[in-house]
């Protein structure tokens, strides 16, 4: 039973990651996405989104990513952190 739960959690995190990356790349084709070396807290998914944009546009990207994260967290029951940063 515990192994099945671990596998389900891993699948949920992988599915949420794949969906989030797809959404980001479709909206921001020049984005470079990489896992954070050290998660900030106990996230299941922790990403950095690097974009060649000025800071005012980065703030808009952060807002959009946050909307996607909320939807994916609710649907996949995972904790996600993704931050957009300028290149």
N, C-alpha and C. Protein backbone atom coordinates (compact mmCIF):
# COMPACT_ATOMS: atom_id res chain seq x y z
N UNK A 1 0.83 -1.20 0.00
CA UNK A 1 0.00 0.00 0.00
C UNK A 1 0.87 1.26 0.00
N UNK A 2 1.91 1.30 0.84
CA UNK A 2 2.78 2.47 0.90
C UNK A 2 3.51 2.67 -0.42
N UNK A 3 3.94 1.58 -1.05
CA UNK A 3 4.63 1.68 -2.34
C UNK A 3 3.69 2.23 -3.40
N UNK A 4 2.44 1.82 -3.39
CA UNK A 4 1.47 2.34 -4.36
C UNK A 4 1.26 3.83 -4.18
N UNK A 5 1.23 4.30 -2.94
CA UNK A 5 1.06 5.72 -2.66
C UNK A 5 2.28 6.52 -3.14
N UNK A 6 3.47 5.99 -2.90
CA UNK A 6 4.69 6.64 -3.36
C UNK A 6 4.69 6.73 -4.88
N UNK A 7 4.32 5.65 -5.55
CA UNK A 7 4.26 5.66 -7.01
C UNK A 7 3.24 6.67 -7.52
N UNK A 8 2.09 6.74 -6.87
CA UNK A 8 1.06 7.69 -7.28
C UNK A 8 1.54 9.12 -7.10
N UNK A 9 2.20 9.40 -5.98
CA UNK A 9 2.74 10.75 -5.74
C UNK A 9 3.78 11.11 -6.79
N UNK A 10 4.64 10.16 -7.13
CA UNK A 10 5.66 10.40 -8.15
C UNK A 10 5.01 10.65 -9.51
N UNK A 11 3.98 9.88 -9.83
CA UNK A 11 3.27 10.08 -11.09
C UNK A 11 2.60 11.45 -11.12
N UNK A 12 1.96 11.84 -10.02
CA UNK A 12 1.31 13.15 -9.96
C UNK A 12 2.31 14.28 -10.16
N UNK A 13 3.47 14.19 -9.52
CA UNK A 13 4.49 15.22 -9.67
C UNK A 13 5.01 15.26 -11.10
N UNK A 14 5.21 14.11 -11.71
CA UNK A 14 5.69 14.06 -13.09
C UNK A 14 4.64 14.63 -14.05
N UNK A 15 3.38 14.29 -13.85
CA UNK A 15 2.32 14.80 -14.71
C UNK A 15 2.19 16.31 -14.58
N UNK A 16 2.23 16.81 -13.35
CA UNK A 16 2.13 18.25 -13.13
C UNK A 16 3.32 18.97 -13.75
N UNK A 17 4.52 18.41 -13.60
CA UNK A 17 5.72 19.01 -14.18
C UNK A 17 5.61 19.09 -15.70
N UNK A 18 5.22 18.00 -16.31
CA UNK A 18 5.11 17.96 -17.77
C UNK A 18 4.09 18.98 -18.27
N UNK A 19 2.95 19.06 -17.60
CA UNK A 19 1.93 20.03 -18.01
C UNK A 19 2.40 21.46 -17.85
N UNK A 20 3.06 21.74 -16.73
CA UNK A 20 3.53 23.10 -16.49
C UNK A 20 4.60 23.49 -17.51
N UNK A 21 5.54 22.61 -17.77
CA UNK A 21 6.59 22.90 -18.74
C UNK A 21 5.98 23.14 -20.12
N UNK A 22 5.01 22.32 -20.50
CA UNK A 22 4.36 22.49 -21.80
C UNK A 22 3.67 23.85 -21.90
N UNK A 23 2.95 24.24 -20.85
CA UNK A 23 2.27 25.54 -20.84
C UNK A 23 3.27 26.69 -20.96
N UNK A 24 4.36 26.58 -20.21
CA UNK A 24 5.38 27.64 -20.23
C UNK A 24 6.01 27.76 -21.62
N UNK A 25 6.40 26.64 -22.20
CA UNK A 25 7.06 26.66 -23.51
C UNK A 25 6.12 27.16 -24.60
N UNK A 26 4.84 26.78 -24.53
CA UNK A 26 3.89 27.27 -25.53
C UNK A 26 3.71 28.78 -25.42
N UNK A 27 3.65 29.31 -24.21
CA UNK A 27 3.44 30.74 -24.01
C UNK A 27 4.73 31.55 -24.16
N UNK A 28 5.85 30.95 -23.79
CA UNK A 28 7.14 31.66 -23.78
C UNK A 28 8.21 30.76 -24.41
N UNK A 29 8.22 30.68 -25.74
CA UNK A 29 9.12 29.74 -26.43
C UNK A 29 10.61 29.94 -26.13
N UNK A 30 11.00 31.14 -25.70
CA UNK A 30 12.42 31.38 -25.42
C UNK A 30 12.79 31.05 -23.97
N UNK A 31 11.86 30.49 -23.23
CA UNK A 31 12.13 30.15 -21.83
C UNK A 31 13.11 29.00 -21.72
N UNK A 32 13.99 29.12 -20.75
CA UNK A 32 14.88 28.02 -20.36
C UNK A 32 14.36 27.56 -19.01
N UNK A 33 14.02 26.29 -18.92
CA UNK A 33 13.43 25.77 -17.69
C UNK A 33 14.38 24.74 -17.10
N UNK A 34 14.63 24.89 -15.80
CA UNK A 34 15.51 23.93 -15.13
C UNK A 34 15.03 23.72 -13.70
N UNK A 35 15.33 22.54 -13.16
CA UNK A 35 14.95 22.31 -11.76
C UNK A 35 15.80 23.16 -10.83
N UNK A 36 15.20 23.61 -9.75
CA UNK A 36 15.97 24.33 -8.73
C UNK A 36 16.89 23.34 -8.04
N UNK A 37 18.10 23.76 -7.76
CA UNK A 37 19.05 22.86 -7.10
C UNK A 37 18.60 22.53 -5.68
N UNK A 38 18.06 23.53 -5.01
CA UNK A 38 17.57 23.34 -3.64
C UNK A 38 16.14 23.86 -3.56
N UNK A 39 15.16 22.96 -3.41
CA UNK A 39 13.79 23.44 -3.25
C UNK A 39 13.70 24.39 -2.06
N UNK A 40 12.80 25.35 -2.16
CA UNK A 40 12.64 26.34 -1.10
C UNK A 40 12.01 25.72 0.15
N UNK A 41 11.06 24.84 -0.04
CA UNK A 41 10.38 24.21 1.11
C UNK A 41 10.18 22.74 0.77
N UNK A 42 8.97 22.26 0.92
CA UNK A 42 8.70 20.85 0.68
C UNK A 42 7.93 20.62 -0.62
N UNK A 43 8.30 21.38 -1.68
CA UNK A 43 7.62 21.22 -2.95
C UNK A 43 7.88 19.85 -3.55
N UNK A 44 6.91 19.40 -4.32
CA UNK A 44 7.09 18.19 -5.11
C UNK A 44 7.75 18.53 -6.44
N UNK A 45 7.51 19.76 -6.91
CA UNK A 45 8.07 20.26 -8.16
C UNK A 45 8.64 21.65 -7.87
N UNK A 46 9.88 21.88 -8.25
CA UNK A 46 10.52 23.17 -8.01
C UNK A 46 11.35 23.55 -9.24
N UNK A 47 10.93 24.61 -9.94
CA UNK A 47 11.55 24.98 -11.21
C UNK A 47 11.94 26.45 -11.24
N UNK A 48 12.94 26.74 -12.08
CA UNK A 48 13.29 28.12 -12.43
C UNK A 48 12.99 28.29 -13.91
N UNK A 49 12.39 29.41 -14.25
CA UNK A 49 12.08 29.73 -15.64
C UNK A 49 12.89 30.98 -15.98
N UNK A 50 13.89 30.81 -16.82
CA UNK A 50 14.78 31.92 -17.16
C UNK A 50 14.34 32.47 -18.51
N UNK A 51 14.12 33.78 -18.53
CA UNK A 51 13.64 34.43 -19.75
C UNK A 51 14.45 35.68 -20.07
N UNK A 52 14.68 35.95 -21.36
CA UNK A 52 15.38 37.16 -21.76
C UNK A 52 14.40 38.34 -21.86
N UNK A 53 13.85 38.72 -20.71
CA UNK A 53 12.85 39.79 -20.67
C UNK A 53 13.22 40.80 -19.59
N UNK A 54 12.73 42.04 -19.74
CA UNK A 54 12.94 43.02 -18.67
C UNK A 54 12.08 42.66 -17.46
N UNK A 55 12.44 43.20 -16.32
CA UNK A 55 11.80 42.84 -15.06
C UNK A 55 10.30 43.08 -15.05
N UNK A 56 9.81 44.15 -15.68
CA UNK A 56 8.37 44.40 -15.67
C UNK A 56 7.61 43.28 -16.39
N UNK A 57 8.20 42.71 -17.44
CA UNK A 57 7.57 41.59 -18.13
C UNK A 57 7.73 40.29 -17.33
N UNK A 58 8.82 40.15 -16.62
CA UNK A 58 9.02 38.97 -15.76
C UNK A 58 7.91 38.90 -14.72
N UNK A 59 7.53 40.05 -14.15
CA UNK A 59 6.43 40.06 -13.17
C UNK A 59 5.13 39.55 -13.78
N UNK A 60 4.87 39.90 -15.02
CA UNK A 60 3.67 39.41 -15.70
C UNK A 60 3.75 37.90 -15.92
N UNK A 61 4.92 37.42 -16.30
CA UNK A 61 5.12 35.99 -16.49
C UNK A 61 4.90 35.25 -15.17
N UNK A 62 5.42 35.80 -14.08
CA UNK A 62 5.24 35.18 -12.76
C UNK A 62 3.76 35.04 -12.43
N UNK A 63 2.99 36.07 -12.72
CA UNK A 63 1.54 36.01 -12.45
C UNK A 63 0.88 34.90 -13.25
N UNK A 64 1.24 34.78 -14.53
CA UNK A 64 0.66 33.74 -15.37
C UNK A 64 1.06 32.35 -14.87
N UNK A 65 2.33 32.17 -14.56
CA UNK A 65 2.79 30.87 -14.06
C UNK A 65 2.07 30.52 -12.76
N UNK A 66 1.88 31.50 -11.90
CA UNK A 66 1.19 31.25 -10.63
C UNK A 66 -0.23 30.75 -10.88
N UNK A 67 -0.93 31.30 -11.85
CA UNK A 67 -2.28 30.83 -12.17
C UNK A 67 -2.26 29.37 -12.61
N UNK A 68 -1.28 29.01 -13.46
CA UNK A 68 -1.17 27.62 -13.89
C UNK A 68 -0.85 26.71 -12.71
N UNK A 69 0.03 27.17 -11.82
CA UNK A 69 0.42 26.37 -10.66
C UNK A 69 -0.78 26.05 -9.78
N UNK A 70 -1.60 27.05 -9.51
CA UNK A 70 -2.78 26.83 -8.66
C UNK A 70 -3.66 25.73 -9.25
N UNK A 71 -3.91 25.82 -10.54
CA UNK A 71 -4.76 24.82 -11.21
C UNK A 71 -4.13 23.43 -11.15
N UNK A 72 -2.83 23.35 -11.41
CA UNK A 72 -2.16 22.05 -11.41
C UNK A 72 -2.04 21.46 -10.01
N UNK A 73 -1.80 22.28 -9.02
CA UNK A 73 -1.72 21.79 -7.64
C UNK A 73 -3.05 21.18 -7.22
N UNK A 74 -4.13 21.85 -7.55
CA UNK A 74 -5.46 21.33 -7.18
C UNK A 74 -5.77 20.03 -7.92
N UNK A 75 -5.43 19.97 -9.19
CA UNK A 75 -5.76 18.79 -9.99
C UNK A 75 -4.89 17.60 -9.66
N UNK A 76 -3.60 17.83 -9.36
CA UNK A 76 -2.67 16.72 -9.15
C UNK A 76 -2.28 16.49 -7.69
N UNK A 77 -2.78 17.32 -6.80
CA UNK A 77 -2.50 17.19 -5.37
C UNK A 77 -1.00 17.16 -5.09
N UNK A 78 -0.29 18.16 -5.63
CA UNK A 78 1.14 18.32 -5.41
C UNK A 78 1.44 19.77 -5.06
N UNK A 79 2.61 20.00 -4.47
CA UNK A 79 3.06 21.36 -4.19
C UNK A 79 4.08 21.74 -5.26
N UNK A 80 3.86 22.89 -5.90
CA UNK A 80 4.70 23.33 -7.00
C UNK A 80 5.24 24.72 -6.70
N UNK A 81 6.52 24.91 -7.01
CA UNK A 81 7.10 26.25 -6.98
C UNK A 81 7.83 26.45 -8.29
N UNK A 82 7.50 27.54 -8.97
CA UNK A 82 8.22 27.89 -10.19
C UNK A 82 8.39 29.40 -10.19
N UNK A 83 9.62 29.85 -10.36
CA UNK A 83 9.86 31.28 -10.37
C UNK A 83 10.47 31.69 -11.70
N UNK A 84 9.93 32.77 -12.27
CA UNK A 84 10.49 33.33 -13.48
C UNK A 84 11.57 34.33 -13.09
N UNK A 85 12.70 34.23 -13.75
CA UNK A 85 13.80 35.14 -13.47
C UNK A 85 14.39 35.63 -14.80
N UNK A 86 14.95 36.84 -14.82
CA UNK A 86 15.55 37.33 -16.06
C UNK A 86 16.89 36.67 -16.33
N UNK A 87 17.23 36.59 -17.60
CA UNK A 87 18.54 36.04 -17.98
C UNK A 87 19.59 37.08 -17.78
